[in-house]
Amino acid sequence: MAGTMSETTPTPPDRLSVDPRSPHYDGDALARGIGIIFNGTERFNVEEYCISEGWVRLAMAKTRDRKGNPLTMKLNGNVEPFFRDSAPESEQA
């Protein structure tokens, strides 16, 4: 499990999910606030991403499956995650 995130890590994890049941869930990273830029556009409905494989899973509006989980669509492209709390520090350089 990827629950070993510290506040001093400058880059987000390679793969992250917002679902607590996923092995790629990292509560510490999510608490810091992660933003995703996918193909040049900031996305706010990302459920999971993987930088090395170049894909994101986007939630499809309010549509749910029969178990109550959001329906997702996997898209391939350029994934650029960033920590929201570190944005002002990077502008100082």
PDB file of N, CA and C in Angstrom:
ATOM      1  N   MET A   1       0.841  -1.181   0.000  1.00  0.00           N
ATOM      2  CA  MET A   1       0.000   0.000   0.000  1.00  0.00           C
ATOM      3  C   MET A   1       0.883   1.241   0.000  1.00  0.00           C
ATOM      4  N   ALA A   2       0.446   2.318  -0.621  1.00  0.00           N
ATOM      5  CA  ALA A   2       1.267   3.505  -0.808  1.00  0.00           C
ATOM      6  C   ALA A   2       1.024   4.546   0.281  1.00  0.00           C
ATOM      7  N   GLY A   3       0.852   4.174   1.509  1.00  0.00           N
ATOM      8  CA  GLY A   3       0.543   5.116   2.573  1.00  0.00           C
ATOM      9  C   GLY A   3       1.772   5.694   3.238  1.00  0.00           C
ATOM     10  N   THR A   4       2.898   5.819   2.541  1.00  0.00           N
ATOM     11  CA  THR A   4       4.129   6.306   3.138  1.00  0.00           C
ATOM     12  C   THR A   4       4.501   7.688   2.629  1.00  0.00           C
ATOM     13  N   MET A   5       3.537   8.493   2.298  1.00  0.00           N
ATOM     14  CA  MET A   5       3.778   9.827   1.743  1.00  0.00           C
ATOM     15  C   MET A   5       4.155  10.791   2.871  1.00  0.00           C
ATOM     16  N   SER A   6       5.155  11.621   2.650  1.00  0.00           N
ATOM     17  CA  SER A   6       5.503  12.629   3.634  1.00  0.00           C
ATOM     18  C   SER A   6       5.247  14.001   3.051  1.00  0.00           C
ATOM     19  N   GLU A   7       5.147  15.001   3.897  1.00  0.00           N
ATOM     20  CA  GLU A   7       4.828  16.347   3.440  1.00  0.00           C
ATOM     21  C   GLU A   7       5.993  17.004   2.713  1.00  0.00           C
ATOM     22  N   THR A   8       7.196  16.428   2.791  1.00  0.00           N
ATOM     23  CA  THR A   8       8.342  17.036   2.142  1.00  0.00           C
ATOM     24  C   THR A   8       8.579  16.495   0.732  1.00  0.00           C
ATOM     25  N   THR A   9       7.803  15.498   0.303  1.00  0.00           N
ATOM     26  CA  THR A   9       7.966  14.943  -1.037  1.00  0.00           C
ATOM     27  C   THR A   9       7.540  15.981  -2.064  1.00  0.00           C
ATOM     28  N   PRO A  10       8.434  16.356  -2.993  1.00  0.00           N
ATOM     29  CA  PRO A  10       8.112  17.433  -3.938  1.00  0.00           C
ATOM     30  C   PRO A  10       7.194  17.018  -5.078  1.00  0.00           C
ATOM     31  N   THR A  11       7.106  15.720  -5.388  1.00  0.00           N
ATOM     32  CA  THR A  11       6.282  15.292  -6.517  1.00  0.00           C
ATOM     33  C   THR A  11       5.205  14.332  -6.045  1.00  0.00           C
ATOM     34  N   PRO A  12       4.042  14.371  -6.684  1.00  0.00           N
ATOM     35  CA  PRO A  12       2.976  13.416  -6.351  1.00  0.00           C
ATOM     36  C   PRO A  12       3.373  12.002  -6.757  1.00  0.00           C
ATOM     37  N   PRO A  13       2.686  10.986  -6.214  1.00  0.00           N
ATOM     38  CA  PRO A  13       3.005   9.608  -6.584  1.00  0.00           C
ATOM     39  C   PRO A  13       2.708   9.329  -8.052  1.00  0.00           C
ATOM     40  N   ASP A  14       3.359   8.293  -8.602  1.00  0.00           N
ATOM     41  CA  ASP A  14       3.180   7.921 -10.008  1.00  0.00           C
ATOM     42  C   ASP A  14       1.745   7.504 -10.291  1.00  0.00           C
ATOM     43  N   ARG A  15       1.116   6.821  -9.359  1.00  0.00           N
ATOM     44  CA  ARG A  15      -0.269   6.382  -9.533  1.00  0.00           C
ATOM     45  C   ARG A  15      -1.023   6.660  -8.249  1.00  0.00           C
ATOM     46  N   LEU A  16      -2.230   7.210  -8.375  1.00  0.00           N
ATOM     47  CA  LEU A  16      -3.014   7.575  -7.209  1.00  0.00           C
ATOM     48  C   LEU A  16      -4.490   7.397  -7.507  1.00  0.00           C
ATOM     49  N   SER A  17      -5.230   6.925  -6.504  1.00  0.00           N
ATOM     50  CA  SER A  17      -6.666   6.740  -6.614  1.00  0.00           C
ATOM     51  C   SER A  17      -7.349   7.417  -5.433  1.00  0.00           C
ATOM     52  N   VAL A  18      -8.559   7.925  -5.632  1.00  0.00           N
ATOM     53  CA  VAL A  18      -9.320   8.542  -4.547  1.00  0.00           C
ATOM     54  C   VAL A  18     -10.184   7.518  -3.818  1.00  0.00           C
ATOM     55  N   ASP A  19     -10.237   6.280  -4.303  1.00  0.00           N
ATOM     56  CA  ASP A  19     -11.027   5.217  -3.691  1.00  0.00           C
ATOM     57  C   ASP A  19     -10.232   4.569  -2.558  1.00  0.00           C
ATOM     58  N   PRO A  20     -10.725   4.649  -1.312  1.00  0.00           N
ATOM     59  CA  PRO A  20      -9.980   4.056  -0.186  1.00  0.00           C
ATOM     60  C   PRO A  20      -9.782   2.546  -0.294  1.00  0.00           C
ATOM     61  N   ARG A  21     -10.557   1.853  -1.108  1.00  0.00           N
ATOM     62  CA  ARG A  21     -10.409   0.405  -1.265  1.00  0.00           C
ATOM     63  C   ARG A  21      -9.307   0.041  -2.239  1.00  0.00           C
ATOM     64  N   SER A  22      -8.784   1.008  -2.968  1.00  0.00           N
ATOM     65  CA  SER A  22      -7.763   0.751  -3.977  1.00  0.00           C
ATOM     66  C   SER A  22      -6.383   0.604  -3.327  1.00  0.00           C
ATOM     67  N   PRO A  23      -5.519  -0.251  -3.880  1.00  0.00           N
ATOM     68  CA  PRO A  23      -4.153  -0.338  -3.364  1.00  0.00           C
ATOM     69  C   PRO A  23      -3.326   0.912  -3.695  1.00  0.00           C
ATOM     70  N   HIS A  24      -3.829   1.774  -4.575  1.00  0.00           N
ATOM     71  CA  HIS A  24      -3.115   2.995  -4.959  1.00  0.00           C
ATOM     72  C   HIS A  24      -3.650   4.225  -4.232  1.00  0.00           C
ATOM     73  N   TYR A  25      -4.413   4.024  -3.181  1.00  0.00           N
ATOM     74  CA  TYR A  25      -4.945   5.121  -2.377  1.00  0.00           C
ATOM     75  C   TYR A  25      -3.861   5.632  -1.429  1.00  0.00           C
ATOM     76  N   ASP A  26      -3.709   6.945  -1.326  1.00  0.00           N
ATOM     77  CA  ASP A  26      -2.752   7.558  -0.412  1.00  0.00           C
ATOM     78  C   ASP A  26      -3.419   8.771   0.234  1.00  0.00           C
ATOM     79  N   GLY A  27      -3.911   8.578   1.441  1.00  0.00           N
ATOM     80  CA  GLY A  27      -4.637   9.629   2.145  1.00  0.00           C
ATOM     81  C   GLY A  27      -3.804  10.864   2.420  1.00  0.00           C
ATOM     82  N   ASP A  28      -2.504  10.686   2.700  1.00  0.00           N
ATOM     83  CA  ASP A  28      -1.637  11.833   2.977  1.00  0.00           C
ATOM     84  C   ASP A  28      -1.480  12.721   1.746  1.00  0.00           C
ATOM     85  N   ALA A  29      -1.292  12.115   0.588  1.00  0.00           N
ATOM     86  CA  ALA A  29      -1.148  12.888  -0.648  1.00  0.00           C
ATOM     87  C   ALA A  29      -2.447  13.602  -0.980  1.00  0.00           C
ATOM     88  N   LEU A  30      -3.572  12.928  -0.798  1.00  0.00           N
ATOM     89  CA  LEU A  30      -4.866  13.555  -1.085  1.00  0.00           C
ATOM     90  C   LEU A  30      -5.154  14.693  -0.119  1.00  0.00           C
ATOM     91  N   ALA A  31      -4.695  14.566   1.135  1.00  0.00           N
ATOM     92  CA  ALA A  31      -4.903  15.632   2.121  1.00  0.00           C
ATOM     93  C   ALA A  31      -4.132  16.898   1.736  1.00  0.00           C
ATOM     94  N   ARG A  32      -2.990  16.740   1.086  1.00  0.00           N
ATOM     95  CA  ARG A  32      -2.218  17.908   0.626  1.00  0.00           C
ATOM     96  C   ARG A  32      -2.912  18.615  -0.525  1.00  0.00           C
ATOM     97  N   GLY A  33      -3.734  17.900  -1.253  1.00  0.00           N
ATOM     98  CA  GLY A  33      -4.445  18.476  -2.395  1.00  0.00           C
ATOM     99  C   GLY A  33      -3.670  18.247  -3.677  1.00  0.00           C
ATOM    100  N   ILE A  34      -4.221  17.451  -4.564  1.00  0.00           N
ATOM    101  CA  ILE A  34      -3.562  17.127  -5.834  1.00  0.00           C
ATOM    102  C   ILE A  34      -4.389  17.713  -6.967  1.00  0.00           C
ATOM    103  N   GLY A  35      -3.716  18.386  -7.850  1.00  0.00           N
ATOM    104  CA  GLY A  35      -4.341  18.881  -9.068  1.00  0.00           C
ATOM    105  C   GLY A  35      -3.824  18.083 -10.243  1.00  0.00           C
ATOM    106  N   ILE A  36      -4.657  17.923 -11.267  1.00  0.00           N
ATOM    107  CA  ILE A  36      -4.282  17.146 -12.448  1.00  0.00           C
ATOM    108  C   ILE A  36      -4.464  18.016 -13.683  1.00  0.00           C
ATOM    109  N   ILE A  37      -3.400  18.122 -14.465  1.00  0.00           N
ATOM    110  CA  ILE A  37      -3.495  18.746 -15.782  1.00  0.00           C
ATOM    111  C   ILE A  37      -3.399  17.609 -16.784  1.00  0.00           C
ATOM    112  N   PHE A  38      -4.491  17.406 -17.544  1.00  0.00           N
ATOM    113  CA  PHE A  38      -4.559  16.320 -18.518  1.00  0.00           C
ATOM    114  C   PHE A  38      -4.667  16.926 -19.907  1.00  0.00           C
ATOM    115  N   ASN A  39      -3.663  16.659 -20.742  1.00  0.00           N
ATOM    116  CA  ASN A  39      -3.591  17.202 -22.107  1.00  0.00           C
ATOM    117  C   ASN A  39      -3.746  18.722 -22.125  1.00  0.00           C
ATOM    118  N   GLY A  40      -3.107  19.397 -21.160  1.00  0.00           N
ATOM    119  CA  GLY A  40      -3.098  20.851 -21.134  1.00  0.00           C
ATOM    120  C   GLY A  40      -4.284  21.499 -20.451  1.00  0.00           C
ATOM    121  N   THR A  41      -5.240  20.722 -19.933  1.00  0.00           N
ATOM    122  CA  THR A  41      -6.426  21.264 -19.273  1.00  0.00           C
ATOM    123  C   THR A  41      -6.512  20.720 -17.858  1.00  0.00           C
ATOM    124  N   GLU A  42      -6.748  21.599 -16.880  1.00  0.00           N
ATOM    125  CA  GLU A  42      -6.891  21.131 -15.507  1.00  0.00           C
ATOM    126  C   GLU A  42      -8.237  20.432 -15.358  1.00  0.00           C
ATOM    127  N   ARG A  43      -8.208  19.213 -14.813  1.00  0.00           N
ATOM    128  CA  ARG A  43      -9.412  18.408 -14.652  1.00  0.00           C
ATOM    129  C   ARG A  43      -9.740  18.293 -13.174  1.00  0.00           C
ATOM    130  N   PHE A  44     -11.021  18.350 -12.855  1.00  0.00           N
ATOM    131  CA  PHE A  44     -11.466  18.292 -11.461  1.00  0.00           C
ATOM    132  C   PHE A  44     -12.255  17.023 -11.152  1.00  0.00           C
ATOM    133  N   ASN A  45     -12.490  16.167 -12.154  1.00  0.00           N
ATOM    134  CA  ASN A  45     -13.273  14.948 -11.953  1.00  0.00           C
ATOM    135  C   ASN A  45     -12.436  13.681 -12.102  1.00  0.00           C
ATOM    136  N   VAL A  46     -11.155  13.754 -11.759  1.00  0.00           N
ATOM    137  CA  VAL A  46     -10.256  12.596 -11.893  1.00  0.00           C
ATOM    138  C   VAL A  46     -10.423  11.683 -10.681  1.00  0.00           C
ATOM    139  N   GLU A  47     -10.722  10.427 -10.938  1.00  0.00           N
ATOM    140  CA  GLU A  47     -10.850   9.424  -9.883  1.00  0.00           C
ATOM    141  C   GLU A  47      -9.532   8.687  -9.641  1.00  0.00           C
ATOM    142  N   GLU A  48      -8.729   8.520 -10.696  1.00  0.00           N
ATOM    143  CA  GLU A  48      -7.457   7.806 -10.607  1.00  0.00           C
ATOM    144  C   GLU A  48      -6.590   8.243 -11.774  1.00  0.00           C
ATOM    145  N   TYR A  49      -5.269   8.225 -11.562  1.00  0.00           N
ATOM    146  CA  TYR A  49      -4.356   8.554 -12.656  1.00  0.00           C
ATOM    147  C   TYR A  49      -3.103   7.706 -12.551  1.00  0.00           C
ATOM    148  N   CYS A  50      -2.367   7.603 -13.679  1.00  0.00           N
ATOM    149  CA  CYS A  50      -1.073   6.941 -13.716  1.00  0.00           C
ATOM    150  C   CYS A  50      -0.182   7.723 -14.679  1.00  0.00           C
ATOM    151  N   ILE A  51       0.897   8.281 -14.158  1.00  0.00           N
ATOM    152  CA  ILE A  51       1.802   9.090 -14.977  1.00  0.00           C
ATOM    153  C   ILE A  51       2.578   8.211 -15.959  1.00  0.00           C
ATOM    154  N   SER A  52       3.159   7.108 -15.469  1.00  0.00           N
ATOM    155  CA  SER A  52       4.033   6.289 -16.304  1.00  0.00           C
ATOM    156  C   SER A  52       3.282   5.632 -17.463  1.00  0.00           C
ATOM    157  N   GLU A  53       2.007   5.290 -17.263  1.00  0.00           N
ATOM    158  CA  GLU A  53       1.231   4.676 -18.334  1.00  0.00           C
ATOM    159  C   GLU A  53       0.453   5.715 -19.139  1.00  0.00           C
ATOM    160  N   GLY A  54       0.362   6.953 -18.646  1.00  0.00           N
ATOM    161  CA  GLY A  54      -0.263   8.042 -19.385  1.00  0.00           C
ATOM    162  C   GLY A  54      -1.770   7.943 -19.512  1.00  0.00           C
ATOM    163  N   TRP A  55      -2.486   7.733 -18.388  1.00  0.00           N
ATOM    164  CA  TRP A  55      -3.943   7.686 -18.439  1.00  0.00           C
ATOM    165  C   TRP A  55      -4.559   8.268 -17.180  1.00  0.00           C
ATOM    166  N   VAL A  56      -5.826   8.652 -17.301  1.00  0.00           N
ATOM    167  CA  VAL A  56      -6.636   9.094 -16.167  1.00  0.00           C
ATOM    168  C   VAL A  56      -7.982   8.386 -16.249  1.00  0.00           C
ATOM    169  N   ARG A  57      -8.626   8.235 -15.112  1.00  0.00           N
ATOM    170  CA  ARG A  57     -10.013   7.765 -15.055  1.00  0.00           C
ATOM    171  C   ARG A  57     -10.848   8.942 -14.587  1.00  0.00           C
ATOM    172  N   LEU A  58     -11.803   9.344 -15.413  1.00  0.00           N
ATOM    173  CA  LEU A  58     -12.655  10.482 -15.111  1.00  0.00           C
ATOM    174  C   LEU A  58     -14.040  10.007 -14.715  1.00  0.00           C
ATOM    175  N   ALA A  59     -14.598  10.631 -13.673  1.00  0.00           N
ATOM    176  CA  ALA A  59     -15.959  10.324 -13.253  1.00  0.00           C
ATOM    177  C   ALA A  59     -16.935  10.881 -14.283  1.00  0.00           C
ATOM    178  N   MET A  60     -17.956  10.113 -14.602  1.00  0.00           N
ATOM    179  CA  MET A  60     -18.941  10.509 -15.592  1.00  0.00           C
ATOM    180  C   MET A  60     -20.145  11.150 -14.898  1.00  0.00           C
ATOM    181  N   ALA A  61     -20.044  12.455 -14.646  1.00  0.00           N
ATOM    182  CA  ALA A  61     -21.104  13.251 -14.011  1.00  0.00           C
ATOM    183  C   ALA A  61     -21.558  12.605 -12.710  1.00  0.00           C
ATOM    184  N   LYS A  62     -22.845  12.432 -12.540  1.00  0.00           N
ATOM    185  CA  LYS A  62     -23.373  11.839 -11.306  1.00  0.00           C
ATOM    186  C   LYS A  62     -23.818  10.404 -11.507  1.00  0.00           C
ATOM    187  N   THR A  63     -23.441   9.793 -12.613  1.00  0.00           N
ATOM    188  CA  THR A  63     -23.847   8.432 -12.932  1.00  0.00           C
ATOM    189  C   THR A  63     -23.136   7.440 -12.009  1.00  0.00           C
ATOM    190  N   ARG A  64     -23.889   6.498 -11.468  1.00  0.00           N
ATOM    191  CA  ARG A  64     -23.353   5.497 -10.544  1.00  0.00           C
ATOM    192  C   ARG A  64     -23.631   4.092 -11.064  1.00  0.00           C
ATOM    193  N   ASP A  65     -22.777   3.142 -10.655  1.00  0.00           N
ATOM    194  CA  ASP A  65     -23.050   1.749 -10.997  1.00  0.00           C
ATOM    195  C   ASP A  65     -23.995   1.168  -9.943  1.00  0.00           C
ATOM    196  N   ARG A  66     -24.301  -0.118 -10.044  1.00  0.00           N
ATOM    197  CA  ARG A  66     -25.277  -0.709  -9.127  1.00  0.00           C
ATOM    198  C   ARG A  66     -24.783  -0.827  -7.693  1.00  0.00           C
ATOM    199  N   LYS A  67     -23.469  -0.661  -7.491  1.00  0.00           N
ATOM    200  CA  LYS A  67     -22.916  -0.695  -6.134  1.00  0.00           C
ATOM    201  C   LYS A  67     -22.741   0.703  -5.548  1.00  0.00           C
ATOM    202  N   GLY A  68     -23.107   1.728  -6.319  1.00  0.00           N
ATOM    203  CA  GLY A  68     -23.019   3.099  -5.832  1.00  0.00           C
ATOM    204  C   GLY A  68     -21.709   3.795  -6.140  1.00  0.00           C
ATOM    205  N   ASN A  69     -20.804   3.139  -6.856  1.00  0.00           N
ATOM    206  CA  ASN A  69     -19.528   3.748  -7.232  1.00  0.00           C
ATOM    207  C   ASN A  69     -19.709   4.583  -8.492  1.00  0.00           C
ATOM    208  N   PRO A  70     -18.946   5.663  -8.643  1.00  0.00           N
ATOM    209  CA  PRO A  70     -19.083   6.466  -9.860  1.00  0.00           C
ATOM    210  C   PRO A  70     -18.613   5.699 -11.093  1.00  0.00           C
ATOM    211  N   LEU A  71     -19.354   5.867 -12.191  1.00  0.00           N
ATOM    212  CA  LEU A  71     -18.906   5.295 -13.457  1.00  0.00           C
ATOM    213  C   LEU A  71     -17.743   6.128 -13.965  1.00  0.00           C
ATOM    214  N   THR A  72     -16.737   5.471 -14.502  1.00  0.00           N
ATOM    215  CA  THR A  72     -15.549   6.181 -14.965  1.00  0.00           C
ATOM    216  C   THR A  72     -15.253   5.855 -16.417  1.00  0.00           C
ATOM    217  N   MET A  73     -14.492   6.755 -17.036  1.00  0.00           N
ATOM    218  CA  MET A  73     -14.034   6.559 -18.400  1.00  0.00           C
ATOM    219  C   MET A  73     -12.518   6.755 -18.393  1.00  0.00           C
ATOM    220  N   LYS A  74     -11.798   5.818 -18.991  1.00  0.00           N
ATOM    221  CA  LYS A  74     -10.337   5.891 -19.039  1.00  0.00           C
ATOM    222  C   LYS A  74      -9.905   6.599 -20.317  1.00  0.00           C
ATOM    223  N   LEU A  75      -9.084   7.640 -20.159  1.00  0.00           N
ATOM    224  CA  LEU A  75      -8.562   8.390 -21.295  1.00  0.00           C
ATOM    225  C   LEU A  75      -7.049   8.362 -21.273  1.00  0.00           C
ATOM    226  N   ASN A  76      -6.429   8.221 -22.416  1.00  0.00           N
ATOM    227  CA  ASN A  76      -4.973   8.231 -22.537  1.00  0.00           C
ATOM    228  C   ASN A  76      -4.503   9.599 -22.989  1.00  0.00           C
ATOM    229  N   GLY A  77      -3.352  10.027 -22.447  1.00  0.00           N
ATOM    230  CA  GLY A  77      -2.790  11.312 -22.835  1.00  0.00           C
ATOM    231  C   GLY A  77      -1.693  11.728 -21.882  1.00  0.00           C
ATOM    232  N   ASN A  78      -1.373  13.015 -21.894  1.00  0.00           N
ATOM    233  CA  ASN A  78      -0.313  13.573 -21.077  1.00  0.00           C
ATOM    234  C   ASN A  78      -0.866  13.936 -19.696  1.00  0.00           C
ATOM    235  N   VAL A  79      -0.339  13.303 -18.630  1.00  0.00           N
ATOM    236  CA  VAL A  79      -0.824  13.502 -17.266  1.00  0.00           C
ATOM    237  C   VAL A  79       0.234  14.271 -16.487  1.00  0.00           C
ATOM    238  N   GLU A  80      -0.151  15.411 -15.902  1.00  0.00           N
ATOM    239  CA  GLU A  80       0.760  16.234 -15.099  1.00  0.00           C
ATOM    240  C   GLU A  80       0.126  16.538 -13.750  1.00  0.00           C
ATOM    241  N   PRO A  81       0.406  15.718 -12.714  1.00  0.00           N
ATOM    242  CA  PRO A  81      -0.134  16.012 -11.386  1.00  0.00           C
ATOM    243  C   PRO A  81       0.747  17.031 -10.656  1.00  0.00           C
ATOM    244  N   PHE A  82       0.143  17.762  -9.719  1.00  0.00           N
ATOM    245  CA  PHE A  82       0.899  18.709  -8.902  1.00  0.00           C
ATOM    246  C   PHE A  82       0.212  18.834  -7.556  1.00  0.00           C
ATOM    247  N   PHE A  83       1.003  19.197  -6.538  1.00  0.00           N
ATOM    248  CA  PHE A  83       0.441  19.455  -5.219  1.00  0.00           C
ATOM    249  C   PHE A  83      -0.070  20.880  -5.188  1.00  0.00           C
ATOM    250  N   ARG A  84      -1.302  21.066  -4.758  1.00  0.00           N
ATOM    251  CA  ARG A  84      -1.885  22.401  -4.703  1.00  0.00           C
ATOM    252  C   ARG A  84      -1.212  23.274  -3.645  1.00  0.00           C
ATOM    253  N   ASP A  85      -0.766  22.684  -2.539  1.00  0.00           N
ATOM    254  CA  ASP A  85      -0.156  23.488  -1.475  1.00  0.00           C
ATOM    255  C   ASP A  85       1.269  23.919  -1.793  1.00  0.00           C
ATOM    256  N   SER A  86       1.896  23.362  -2.839  1.00  0.00           N
ATOM    257  CA  SER A  86       3.272  23.737  -3.173  1.00  0.00           C
ATOM    258  C   SER A  86       3.344  24.703  -4.349  1.00  0.00           C
ATOM    259  N   ALA A  87       2.224  25.112  -4.909  1.00  0.00           N
ATOM    260  CA  ALA A  87       2.226  26.019  -6.068  1.00  0.00           C
ATOM    261  C   ALA A  87       2.867  27.370  -5.758  1.00  0.00           C
ATOM    262  N   PRO A  88       2.574  28.020  -4.618  1.00  0.00           N
ATOM    263  CA  PRO A  88       3.212  29.316  -4.354  1.00  0.00           C
ATOM    264  C   PRO A  88       4.723  29.201  -4.175  1.00  0.00           C
ATOM    265  N   GLU A  89       5.214  28.095  -3.597  1.00  0.00           N
ATOM    266  CA  GLU A  89       6.650  27.928  -3.395  1.00  0.00           C
ATOM    267  C   GLU A  89       7.386  27.795  -4.733  1.00  0.00           C
ATOM    268  N   SER A  90       6.778  27.125  -5.710  1.00  0.00           N
ATOM    269  CA  SER A  90       7.439  26.942  -6.989  1.00  0.00           C
ATOM    270  C   SER A  90       7.491  28.244  -7.781  1.00  0.00           C
ATOM    271  N   GLU A  91       6.606  29.198  -7.502  1.00  0.00           N
ATOM    272  CA  GLU A  91       6.623  30.474  -8.201  1.00  0.00           C
ATOM    273  C   GLU A  91       7.731  31.399  -7.675  1.00  0.00           C
ATOM    274  N   GLN A  92       8.267  31.116  -6.486  1.00  0.00           N
ATOM    275  CA  GLN A  92       9.320  31.949  -5.914  1.00  0.00           C
ATOM    276  C   GLN A  92      10.630  31.779  -6.648  1.00  0.00           C
ATOM    277  N   ALA A  93      10.870  30.650  -7.269  1.00  0.00           N
ATOM    278  CA  ALA A  93      12.157  30.372  -7.925  1.00  0.00           C
ATOM    279  C   ALA A  93      12.371  31.149  -9.192  1.00  0.00           C
TER     280      ALA A  93
END
